[in-house]
Amino acid sequence: MNWQLLGLSFITVFLAELGDKSQLAAIAISGSSRSPRAVFLGTAAALVVASLIGVLIGEGTAQLLPTRLVKAVAAIGFAVMGVRLLWPEADFPPDYDAEEAADLNADLNTD
């Protein structure tokens, strides 16, 4: 067993999951239930299955495509997501006016 890879995988996924939708869903479900153990086991099983699917897809992809290509596609994907986070207006139609929407939002919040 490669303990360094195990630790790196754990830390990476743990930090990525903090405050993620799955954690927020677990908080919401456990807050409205009387069985936190069942919520824990259900969410833990879901994360294990999702991780297994990711590992299997990653392993299959690594066997079909060169590692350098997989890393390049992953890097480009993360870069695109980063740019979309920096410029969220890109999700709106071309005729969207951010200033007009901000003014409208301010008017709604003052009532």
Protein backbone atom coordinates (compact mmCIF):
# COMPACT_ATOMS: atom_id res chain seq x y z
CA MET A 1 0.00 0.00 0.00
CA ASN A 2 1.29 3.42 -0.95
CA TRP A 3 0.67 5.35 2.29
CA GLN A 4 1.77 8.67 0.83
CA LEU A 5 -0.79 8.37 -1.98
CA LEU A 6 -3.44 7.29 0.53
CA GLY A 7 -2.76 10.34 2.70
CA LEU A 8 -2.68 12.69 -0.28
CA SER A 9 -5.97 11.30 -1.58
CA PHE A 10 -7.60 11.63 1.84
CA ILE A 11 -6.45 15.22 2.39
CA THR A 12 -7.41 16.30 -1.13
CA VAL A 13 -10.92 14.84 -0.99
CA PHE A 14 -11.47 15.89 2.62
CA LEU A 15 -10.61 19.52 1.88
CA ALA A 16 -12.62 19.49 -1.35
CA GLU A 17 -15.70 18.14 0.44
CA LEU A 18 -15.71 20.71 3.28
CA GLY A 19 -18.70 22.96 2.71
CA ASP A 20 -19.64 21.02 -0.41
CA LYS A 21 -23.25 20.33 -1.38
CA SER A 22 -23.01 16.81 -0.01
CA GLN A 23 -21.96 18.09 3.41
CA LEU A 24 -24.74 20.68 3.41
CA ALA A 25 -27.22 17.97 2.44
CA ALA A 26 -25.98 15.78 5.32
CA ILE A 27 -26.42 18.71 7.73
CA ALA A 28 -29.95 19.34 6.48
CA ILE A 29 -30.96 15.69 6.64
CA SER A 30 -29.45 15.07 10.07
CA GLY A 31 -31.06 18.23 11.42
CA SER A 32 -34.50 16.95 10.51
CA SER A 33 -34.06 13.32 11.58
CA ARG A 34 -33.80 11.45 14.83
CA SER A 35 -31.19 9.01 13.57
CA PRO A 36 -27.84 10.68 12.90
CA ARG A 37 -26.21 7.23 12.61
CA ALA A 38 -28.41 6.36 9.62
CA VAL A 39 -27.65 9.72 8.01
CA PHE A 40 -23.92 9.17 8.54
CA LEU A 41 -23.99 5.65 7.11
CA GLY A 42 -26.08 6.74 4.13
CA THR A 43 -23.91 9.74 3.26
CA ALA A 44 -20.69 7.80 3.84
CA ALA A 45 -21.89 5.00 1.56
CA ALA A 46 -22.84 7.53 -1.12
CA LEU A 47 -19.40 9.16 -0.98
CA VAL A 48 -17.70 5.76 -1.16
CA VAL A 49 -19.73 4.75 -4.23
CA ALA A 50 -19.14 8.13 -5.92
CA SER A 51 -15.42 7.83 -5.23
CA LEU A 52 -15.37 4.26 -6.55
CA ILE A 53 -17.01 5.39 -9.78
CA GLY A 54 -14.43 8.19 -10.11
CA VAL A 55 -11.53 5.82 -9.51
CA LEU A 56 -12.84 3.26 -12.01
CA ILE A 57 -13.39 5.93 -14.66
CA GLY A 58 -9.95 7.37 -13.95
CA GLU A 59 -8.29 3.98 -14.19
CA GLY A 60 -10.09 3.17 -17.43
CA THR A 61 -9.22 6.53 -18.91
CA ALA A 62 -5.57 6.13 -17.92
CA GLN A 63 -5.42 2.80 -19.73
CA LEU A 64 -7.00 4.17 -22.92
CA LEU A 65 -5.34 7.59 -23.16
CA PRO A 66 -1.82 8.86 -22.49
CA THR A 67 -1.33 10.26 -18.98
CA ARG A 68 -0.11 13.58 -20.35
CA LEU A 69 -3.35 14.03 -22.34
CA VAL A 70 -5.52 13.18 -19.32
CA LYS A 71 -3.63 15.71 -17.18
CA ALA A 72 -3.91 18.36 -19.89
CA VAL A 73 -7.68 17.85 -20.25
CA ALA A 74 -8.09 17.98 -16.45
CA ALA A 75 -6.00 21.17 -16.24
CA ILE A 76 -8.03 22.83 -18.99
CA GLY A 77 -11.27 21.77 -17.31
CA PHE A 78 -10.21 23.24 -13.99
CA ALA A 79 -9.04 26.43 -15.71
CA VAL A 80 -12.40 26.82 -17.44
CA MET A 81 -14.23 26.31 -14.13
CA GLY A 82 -11.95 28.90 -12.47
CA VAL A 83 -12.61 31.48 -15.19
CA ARG A 84 -16.36 30.87 -14.90
CA LEU A 85 -16.13 31.44 -11.15
CA LEU A 86 -14.24 34.69 -11.68
CA TRP A 87 -16.70 35.94 -14.30
CA PRO A 88 -20.15 34.62 -13.36
CA GLU A 89 -21.82 37.06 -15.79
CA ALA A 90 -20.72 34.68 -18.54
CA ASP A 91 -23.68 32.50 -17.55
CA PHE A 92 -26.19 35.21 -18.46
CA PRO A 93 -27.58 36.00 -21.92
CA PRO A 94 -25.74 38.57 -24.07
CA ASP A 95 -28.39 41.26 -23.42
CA TYR A 96 -28.02 40.93 -19.62
CA ASP A 97 -27.16 44.22 -17.90
CA ALA A 98 -25.40 43.56 -14.57
CA GLU A 99 -25.77 47.17 -13.38
CA GLU A 100 -29.48 47.22 -14.15
CA ALA A 101 -29.94 43.92 -12.32
CA ALA A 102 -27.99 45.26 -9.31
CA ASP A 103 -30.18 48.40 -9.23
CA LEU A 104 -33.32 46.30 -9.43
CA ASN A 105 -32.05 44.03 -6.66
CA ALA A 106 -31.23 47.05 -4.47
CA ASP A 107 -34.74 48.44 -5.06
CA LEU A 108 -36.29 45.11 -4.06
CA ASN A 109 -34.20 44.88 -0.89
CA THR A 110 -35.11 48.37 0.33
CA ASP A 111 -38.85 47.65 0.42
